[in-house]
């Protein structure tokens, strides 16, 4: 999509009423996270996920938007562009807040008709006392 198409989509509101399109992997991940909601023993327990996004995720402010959205939801972790055009993210927080983060990311980029696709999702062990969510520029460097 060219710049003029993006401006036109933004000005017209894009496809905000269209349903969010998720990868089958993301759909299964959301279902697993939703299973924890309502269970007093699991709904506030932190979950840590390693995700790899593909689609139109570089050159569109994806790292910055991910960072601000994650901070709004009090999530921790990081996000980083990869050389192959994908974006890697490690996100930690309650299942509900992670779902809200993904929903808000999709809603934002849907206005521009950008496709965000989760290609890989791995659950990691939570990290205690992690700072905040950060954009990274090199592996292991904040």
N, C-alpha and C. Protein backbone atom coordinates (compact mmCIF):
# COMPACT_ATOMS: atom_id res chain seq x y z
N UNK A 1 0.84 -1.16 0.00
CA UNK A 1 0.00 0.00 0.00
C UNK A 1 0.89 1.23 0.00
N UNK A 2 0.60 2.16 -0.88
CA UNK A 2 1.38 3.38 -0.96
C UNK A 2 0.97 4.41 0.07
N UNK A 3 1.76 5.47 0.17
CA UNK A 3 1.52 6.51 1.15
C UNK A 3 0.14 7.15 0.96
N UNK A 4 -0.23 7.45 -0.28
CA UNK A 4 -1.53 8.07 -0.52
C UNK A 4 -2.67 7.14 -0.12
N UNK A 5 -2.51 5.86 -0.36
CA UNK A 5 -3.53 4.90 0.05
C UNK A 5 -3.68 4.89 1.57
N UNK A 6 -2.55 4.96 2.29
CA UNK A 6 -2.59 4.98 3.75
C UNK A 6 -3.28 6.24 4.27
N UNK A 7 -2.98 7.37 3.64
CA UNK A 7 -3.61 8.62 4.05
C UNK A 7 -5.11 8.56 3.79
N UNK A 8 -5.49 8.03 2.64
CA UNK A 8 -6.90 7.89 2.29
C UNK A 8 -7.60 6.97 3.29
N UNK A 9 -6.96 5.86 3.63
CA UNK A 9 -7.55 4.92 4.59
C UNK A 9 -7.70 5.57 5.95
N UNK A 10 -6.69 6.33 6.36
CA UNK A 10 -6.75 7.00 7.65
C UNK A 10 -7.87 8.03 7.67
N UNK A 11 -7.95 8.81 6.59
CA UNK A 11 -8.98 9.85 6.51
C UNK A 11 -10.39 9.30 6.47
N UNK A 12 -10.54 8.11 5.89
CA UNK A 12 -11.87 7.52 5.79
C UNK A 12 -12.20 6.63 6.98
N UNK A 13 -11.25 6.49 7.90
CA UNK A 13 -11.50 5.63 9.05
C UNK A 13 -11.14 4.18 8.79
N UNK A 14 -10.70 3.87 7.57
CA UNK A 14 -10.28 2.50 7.26
C UNK A 14 -11.42 1.51 7.45
N UNK A 15 -11.08 0.33 7.87
CA UNK A 15 -12.05 -0.74 8.08
C UNK A 15 -12.26 -0.98 9.56
N UNK A 16 -12.53 0.08 10.33
CA UNK A 16 -12.64 -0.04 11.78
C UNK A 16 -13.76 -0.97 12.21
N UNK A 17 -14.82 -1.09 11.41
CA UNK A 17 -15.93 -1.95 11.78
C UNK A 17 -15.74 -3.39 11.32
N UNK A 18 -14.74 -3.62 10.49
CA UNK A 18 -14.48 -4.98 10.02
C UNK A 18 -13.90 -5.81 11.17
N UNK A 19 -14.19 -7.08 11.19
CA UNK A 19 -13.63 -7.93 12.25
C UNK A 19 -12.11 -8.01 12.13
N UNK A 20 -11.45 -8.14 13.28
CA UNK A 20 -10.00 -8.27 13.29
C UNK A 20 -9.63 -9.63 12.69
N UNK A 21 -8.68 -9.61 11.77
CA UNK A 21 -8.20 -10.84 11.14
C UNK A 21 -6.93 -11.26 11.88
N UNK A 22 -6.96 -12.47 12.43
CA UNK A 22 -5.82 -12.99 13.18
C UNK A 22 -5.33 -14.28 12.55
N UNK A 23 -4.05 -14.55 12.74
CA UNK A 23 -3.51 -15.83 12.27
C UNK A 23 -4.14 -16.95 13.09
N UNK A 24 -4.21 -18.16 12.53
CA UNK A 24 -4.73 -19.28 13.31
C UNK A 24 -3.95 -19.49 14.62
N UNK A 25 -2.65 -19.26 14.58
CA UNK A 25 -1.82 -19.38 15.78
C UNK A 25 -2.26 -18.36 16.83
N UNK A 26 -2.50 -17.12 16.41
CA UNK A 26 -2.95 -16.10 17.36
C UNK A 26 -4.33 -16.43 17.91
N UNK A 27 -5.21 -16.95 17.08
CA UNK A 27 -6.54 -17.34 17.56
C UNK A 27 -6.44 -18.38 18.67
N UNK A 28 -5.59 -19.38 18.47
CA UNK A 28 -5.40 -20.41 19.51
C UNK A 28 -4.78 -19.81 20.77
N UNK A 29 -3.82 -18.90 20.58
CA UNK A 29 -3.18 -18.24 21.72
C UNK A 29 -4.21 -17.45 22.53
N UNK A 30 -5.06 -16.69 21.86
CA UNK A 30 -6.10 -15.91 22.54
C UNK A 30 -7.03 -16.85 23.31
N UNK A 31 -7.42 -17.95 22.69
CA UNK A 31 -8.29 -18.91 23.38
C UNK A 31 -7.63 -19.44 24.65
N UNK A 32 -6.33 -19.76 24.59
CA UNK A 32 -5.62 -20.26 25.78
C UNK A 32 -5.57 -19.18 26.86
N UNK A 33 -5.29 -17.94 26.46
CA UNK A 33 -5.25 -16.86 27.43
C UNK A 33 -6.63 -16.62 28.05
N UNK A 34 -7.68 -16.69 27.24
CA UNK A 34 -9.04 -16.49 27.74
C UNK A 34 -9.44 -17.55 28.76
N UNK A 35 -8.89 -18.75 28.63
CA UNK A 35 -9.21 -19.82 29.59
C UNK A 35 -8.79 -19.44 31.00
N UNK A 36 -7.80 -18.57 31.14
CA UNK A 36 -7.32 -18.14 32.47
C UNK A 36 -8.21 -17.08 33.08
N UNK A 37 -8.91 -16.33 32.25
CA UNK A 37 -9.75 -15.23 32.74
C UNK A 37 -10.94 -15.81 33.47
N UNK A 38 -11.17 -15.32 34.66
CA UNK A 38 -12.27 -15.82 35.49
C UNK A 38 -11.83 -16.87 36.49
N UNK A 39 -10.62 -17.39 36.32
CA UNK A 39 -10.06 -18.35 37.27
C UNK A 39 -9.22 -17.56 38.27
N UNK A 40 -9.68 -17.44 39.53
CA UNK A 40 -8.96 -16.60 40.49
C UNK A 40 -7.50 -17.00 40.70
N UNK A 41 -7.17 -18.24 40.44
CA UNK A 41 -5.79 -18.70 40.63
C UNK A 41 -4.89 -18.35 39.45
N UNK A 42 -5.49 -18.09 38.27
CA UNK A 42 -4.67 -17.87 37.08
C UNK A 42 -4.86 -16.53 36.40
N UNK A 43 -5.98 -15.83 36.65
CA UNK A 43 -6.26 -14.66 35.82
C UNK A 43 -5.30 -13.50 36.04
N UNK A 44 -4.69 -13.40 37.21
CA UNK A 44 -3.73 -12.32 37.46
C UNK A 44 -2.29 -12.81 37.46
N UNK A 45 -2.09 -14.11 37.29
CA UNK A 45 -0.74 -14.66 37.25
C UNK A 45 -0.06 -14.20 35.96
N UNK A 46 1.18 -13.69 36.05
CA UNK A 46 1.83 -13.21 34.84
C UNK A 46 2.14 -14.33 33.85
N UNK A 47 1.94 -13.99 32.59
CA UNK A 47 2.26 -14.87 31.47
C UNK A 47 3.33 -14.14 30.67
N UNK A 48 4.33 -14.87 30.20
CA UNK A 48 5.39 -14.27 29.37
C UNK A 48 5.40 -15.01 28.04
N UNK A 49 5.29 -14.23 26.97
CA UNK A 49 5.22 -14.80 25.62
C UNK A 49 6.31 -14.24 24.73
N UNK A 50 6.87 -15.10 23.91
CA UNK A 50 7.77 -14.69 22.84
C UNK A 50 6.96 -14.79 21.56
N UNK A 51 6.81 -13.67 20.83
CA UNK A 51 6.00 -13.63 19.61
C UNK A 51 6.84 -13.12 18.45
N UNK A 52 6.55 -13.63 17.26
CA UNK A 52 7.16 -13.09 16.04
C UNK A 52 6.04 -12.70 15.10
N UNK A 53 6.03 -11.41 14.74
CA UNK A 53 5.00 -10.85 13.87
C UNK A 53 5.55 -10.69 12.45
N UNK A 54 4.70 -10.97 11.47
CA UNK A 54 5.02 -10.68 10.06
C UNK A 54 3.89 -9.82 9.51
N UNK A 55 4.02 -9.46 8.27
CA UNK A 55 3.05 -8.58 7.63
C UNK A 55 3.67 -7.21 7.47
N UNK A 56 2.85 -6.19 7.50
CA UNK A 56 3.35 -4.82 7.39
C UNK A 56 3.65 -4.31 8.80
N UNK A 57 4.81 -4.72 9.29
CA UNK A 57 5.17 -4.41 10.68
C UNK A 57 6.47 -3.62 10.82
N UNK A 58 7.14 -3.35 9.73
CA UNK A 58 8.33 -2.50 9.80
C UNK A 58 8.09 -1.26 8.95
N UNK A 59 8.62 -0.15 9.44
CA UNK A 59 8.46 1.12 8.74
C UNK A 59 7.10 1.77 8.96
N UNK A 60 6.33 1.26 9.95
CA UNK A 60 4.99 1.79 10.21
C UNK A 60 4.81 2.18 11.69
N UNK A 61 5.92 2.27 12.42
CA UNK A 61 5.84 2.64 13.83
C UNK A 61 5.39 1.52 14.75
N UNK A 62 5.53 0.28 14.28
CA UNK A 62 5.04 -0.87 15.06
C UNK A 62 5.71 -0.97 16.43
N UNK A 63 7.04 -0.77 16.47
CA UNK A 63 7.73 -0.86 17.77
C UNK A 63 7.23 0.20 18.74
N UNK A 64 7.09 1.42 18.24
CA UNK A 64 6.67 2.51 19.12
C UNK A 64 5.24 2.33 19.59
N UNK A 65 4.36 1.97 18.67
CA UNK A 65 2.97 1.74 19.07
C UNK A 65 2.86 0.57 20.04
N UNK A 66 3.60 -0.49 19.77
CA UNK A 66 3.60 -1.64 20.69
C UNK A 66 4.06 -1.22 22.08
N UNK A 67 5.09 -0.39 22.11
CA UNK A 67 5.66 0.06 23.38
C UNK A 67 4.65 0.88 24.17
N UNK A 68 4.04 1.88 23.53
CA UNK A 68 3.10 2.74 24.24
C UNK A 68 1.85 1.99 24.67
N UNK A 69 1.36 1.11 23.82
CA UNK A 69 0.18 0.32 24.19
C UNK A 69 0.52 -0.60 25.36
N UNK A 70 1.67 -1.26 25.29
CA UNK A 70 2.07 -2.16 26.37
C UNK A 70 2.22 -1.40 27.69
N UNK A 71 2.81 -0.22 27.63
CA UNK A 71 2.97 0.57 28.86
C UNK A 71 1.61 1.00 29.40
N UNK A 72 0.67 1.34 28.52
CA UNK A 72 -0.68 1.71 28.97
C UNK A 72 -1.34 0.56 29.74
N UNK A 73 -1.04 -0.66 29.33
CA UNK A 73 -1.63 -1.84 29.99
C UNK A 73 -0.72 -2.43 31.07
N UNK A 74 0.35 -1.71 31.41
CA UNK A 74 1.29 -2.12 32.47
C UNK A 74 1.92 -3.49 32.18
N UNK A 75 2.26 -3.69 30.92
CA UNK A 75 2.97 -4.90 30.50
C UNK A 75 4.46 -4.62 30.51
N UNK A 76 5.27 -5.66 30.60
CA UNK A 76 6.71 -5.53 30.51
C UNK A 76 7.21 -6.35 29.34
N UNK A 77 8.48 -6.13 28.98
CA UNK A 77 9.09 -6.88 27.89
C UNK A 77 9.78 -5.96 26.91
N UNK A 78 9.81 -6.38 25.64
CA UNK A 78 10.49 -5.60 24.62
C UNK A 78 10.00 -5.99 23.24
N UNK A 79 10.33 -5.15 22.25
CA UNK A 79 9.98 -5.38 20.86
C UNK A 79 11.16 -4.94 20.00
N UNK A 80 11.44 -5.68 18.91
CA UNK A 80 12.61 -5.39 18.09
C UNK A 80 12.38 -5.84 16.65
N UNK A 81 12.82 -5.00 15.69
CA UNK A 81 12.79 -5.37 14.28
C UNK A 81 13.86 -6.43 14.01
N UNK A 82 13.54 -7.36 13.13
CA UNK A 82 14.51 -8.37 12.69
C UNK A 82 14.90 -8.10 11.24
N UNK A 83 16.06 -8.61 10.86
CA UNK A 83 16.58 -8.38 9.51
C UNK A 83 15.70 -8.94 8.41
N UNK A 84 14.88 -9.95 8.71
CA UNK A 84 14.03 -10.57 7.68
C UNK A 84 12.72 -9.81 7.45
N UNK A 85 12.52 -8.66 8.12
CA UNK A 85 11.30 -7.87 7.94
C UNK A 85 10.23 -8.17 8.97
N UNK A 86 10.47 -9.13 9.83
CA UNK A 86 9.50 -9.44 10.88
C UNK A 86 9.87 -8.67 12.14
N UNK A 87 9.03 -8.77 13.15
CA UNK A 87 9.25 -8.11 14.43
C UNK A 87 9.12 -9.16 15.53
N UNK A 88 10.08 -9.12 16.44
CA UNK A 88 10.11 -10.04 17.58
C UNK A 88 9.66 -9.27 18.82
N UNK A 89 8.85 -9.95 19.66
CA UNK A 89 8.35 -9.31 20.87
C UNK A 89 8.35 -10.33 22.01
N UNK A 90 8.75 -9.86 23.18
CA UNK A 90 8.56 -10.62 24.41
C UNK A 90 7.67 -9.74 25.27
N UNK A 91 6.52 -10.26 25.66
CA UNK A 91 5.55 -9.49 26.43
C UNK A 91 5.14 -10.29 27.66
N UNK A 92 5.03 -9.58 28.79
CA UNK A 92 4.67 -10.23 30.05
C UNK A 92 3.60 -9.42 30.76
N UNK A 93 2.61 -10.12 31.27
CA UNK A 93 1.54 -9.50 32.04
C UNK A 93 0.41 -10.48 32.22
N UNK A 94 -0.71 -9.99 32.72
CA UNK A 94 -1.87 -10.87 32.90
C UNK A 94 -2.43 -11.26 31.53
N UNK A 95 -3.07 -12.43 31.45
CA UNK A 95 -3.65 -12.84 30.17
C UNK A 95 -4.60 -11.79 29.58
N UNK A 96 -5.44 -11.20 30.43
CA UNK A 96 -6.40 -10.20 29.95
C UNK A 96 -5.70 -9.00 29.35
N UNK A 97 -4.64 -8.51 30.00
CA UNK A 97 -3.93 -7.33 29.49
C UNK A 97 -3.18 -7.64 28.20
N UNK A 98 -2.66 -8.86 28.07
CA UNK A 98 -1.98 -9.24 26.82
C UNK A 98 -2.99 -9.28 25.68
N UNK A 99 -4.17 -9.83 25.93
CA UNK A 99 -5.21 -9.86 24.90
C UNK A 99 -5.59 -8.43 24.51
N UNK A 100 -5.75 -7.56 25.51
CA UNK A 100 -6.10 -6.16 25.24
C UNK A 100 -5.02 -5.48 24.39
N UNK A 101 -3.75 -5.78 24.69
CA UNK A 101 -2.63 -5.23 23.92
C UNK A 101 -2.72 -5.66 22.46
N UNK A 102 -2.93 -6.95 22.23
CA UNK A 102 -3.03 -7.46 20.86
C UNK A 102 -4.23 -6.84 20.14
N UNK A 103 -5.37 -6.74 20.84
CA UNK A 103 -6.57 -6.15 20.23
C UNK A 103 -6.31 -4.70 19.81
N UNK A 104 -5.67 -3.94 20.68
CA UNK A 104 -5.44 -2.52 20.38
C UNK A 104 -4.43 -2.36 19.23
N UNK A 105 -3.42 -3.23 19.19
CA UNK A 105 -2.47 -3.20 18.06
C UNK A 105 -3.19 -3.45 16.74
N UNK A 106 -4.00 -4.50 16.73
CA UNK A 106 -4.75 -4.82 15.51
C UNK A 106 -5.68 -3.67 15.12
N UNK A 107 -6.40 -3.12 16.09
CA UNK A 107 -7.34 -2.03 15.79
C UNK A 107 -6.63 -0.82 15.21
N UNK A 108 -5.47 -0.50 15.76
CA UNK A 108 -4.71 0.65 15.25
C UNK A 108 -4.30 0.43 13.80
N UNK A 109 -3.71 -0.71 13.50
CA UNK A 109 -3.19 -0.94 12.14
C UNK A 109 -4.27 -1.32 11.15
N UNK A 110 -5.40 -1.75 11.62
CA UNK A 110 -6.52 -2.05 10.73
C UNK A 110 -7.00 -0.79 10.02
N UNK A 111 -6.86 0.38 10.69
CA UNK A 111 -7.25 1.65 10.06
C UNK A 111 -6.48 1.89 8.78
N UNK A 112 -5.26 1.37 8.71
CA UNK A 112 -4.40 1.56 7.54
C UNK A 112 -4.37 0.33 6.65
N UNK A 113 -5.22 -0.64 6.99
CA UNK A 113 -5.31 -1.91 6.25
C UNK A 113 -3.99 -2.69 6.28
N UNK A 114 -3.25 -2.54 7.38
CA UNK A 114 -2.02 -3.30 7.56
C UNK A 114 -2.35 -4.66 8.15
N UNK A 115 -1.75 -5.68 7.61
CA UNK A 115 -1.93 -7.03 8.13
C UNK A 115 -0.86 -7.31 9.16
N UNK A 116 -1.28 -7.72 10.34
CA UNK A 116 -0.37 -8.13 11.42
C UNK A 116 -0.62 -9.60 11.66
N UNK A 117 0.40 -10.40 11.55
CA UNK A 117 0.25 -11.85 11.60
C UNK A 117 1.24 -12.42 12.61
N UNK A 118 0.76 -13.16 13.58
CA UNK A 118 1.68 -13.83 14.51
C UNK A 118 2.05 -15.17 13.90
N UNK A 119 3.34 -15.32 13.59
CA UNK A 119 3.87 -16.54 12.97
C UNK A 119 4.40 -17.53 14.01
N UNK A 120 4.88 -17.00 15.12
CA UNK A 120 5.44 -17.85 16.17
C UNK A 120 4.99 -17.33 17.52
N UNK A 121 4.66 -18.25 18.43
CA UNK A 121 4.29 -17.88 19.80
C UNK A 121 4.78 -18.98 20.73
N UNK A 122 5.59 -18.58 21.68
CA UNK A 122 6.15 -19.52 22.66
C UNK A 122 5.95 -18.95 24.05
N UNK A 123 5.48 -19.78 24.97
CA UNK A 123 5.33 -19.33 26.34
C UNK A 123 6.67 -19.52 27.06
N UNK A 124 7.07 -18.48 27.79
CA UNK A 124 8.32 -18.47 28.54
C UNK A 124 8.01 -18.39 30.03
N UNK A 125 9.02 -18.62 30.84
CA UNK A 125 8.86 -18.44 32.28
C UNK A 125 8.84 -16.95 32.59
N UNK A 126 7.91 -16.52 33.46
CA UNK A 126 7.86 -15.10 33.83
C UNK A 126 9.15 -14.64 34.49
N UNK A 127 9.48 -13.37 34.31
CA UNK A 127 10.66 -12.74 34.90
C UNK A 127 10.18 -11.80 35.99
N UNK A 128 10.69 -11.99 37.20
CA UNK A 128 10.29 -11.11 38.30
C UNK A 128 11.02 -9.77 38.21
N UNK A 129 10.35 -8.74 38.67
CA UNK A 129 10.93 -7.40 38.78
C UNK A 129 11.48 -6.86 37.46
N UNK A 130 10.87 -7.22 36.36
CA UNK A 130 11.28 -6.64 35.08
C UNK A 130 10.83 -5.19 35.04
N UNK A 131 11.61 -4.34 34.44
CA UNK A 131 11.31 -2.91 34.39
C UNK A 131 10.03 -2.60 33.67
N UNK A 132 10.13 -2.06 32.48
CA UNK A 132 8.95 -1.73 31.69
C UNK A 132 9.13 -2.28 30.28
N UNK A 133 8.19 -2.01 29.43
CA UNK A 133 8.25 -2.45 28.04
C UNK A 133 9.12 -1.48 27.26
N UNK A 134 10.05 -2.00 26.45
CA UNK A 134 11.03 -1.17 25.72
C UNK A 134 11.11 -1.58 24.25
N UNK A 135 11.45 -0.60 23.42
CA UNK A 135 11.81 -0.87 22.03
C UNK A 135 13.31 -1.12 22.00
N UNK A 136 13.73 -2.19 21.34
CA UNK A 136 15.15 -2.52 21.22
C UNK A 136 15.59 -2.31 19.78
N UNK A 137 16.90 -2.07 19.64
CA UNK A 137 17.45 -1.83 18.32
C UNK A 137 18.44 -2.90 17.89
N UNK A 138 18.98 -3.63 18.84
CA UNK A 138 19.89 -4.75 18.56
C UNK A 138 19.56 -5.85 19.55
N UNK A 139 19.78 -7.10 19.17
CA UNK A 139 19.51 -8.19 20.11
C UNK A 139 20.21 -7.96 21.46
N UNK A 140 19.43 -8.01 22.51
CA UNK A 140 19.98 -7.87 23.86
C UNK A 140 20.29 -6.48 24.29
N UNK A 141 20.06 -5.47 23.43
CA UNK A 141 20.40 -4.07 23.77
C UNK A 141 19.10 -3.26 23.82
N UNK A 142 18.95 -2.47 24.87
CA UNK A 142 17.76 -1.61 24.96
C UNK A 142 18.12 -0.19 24.60
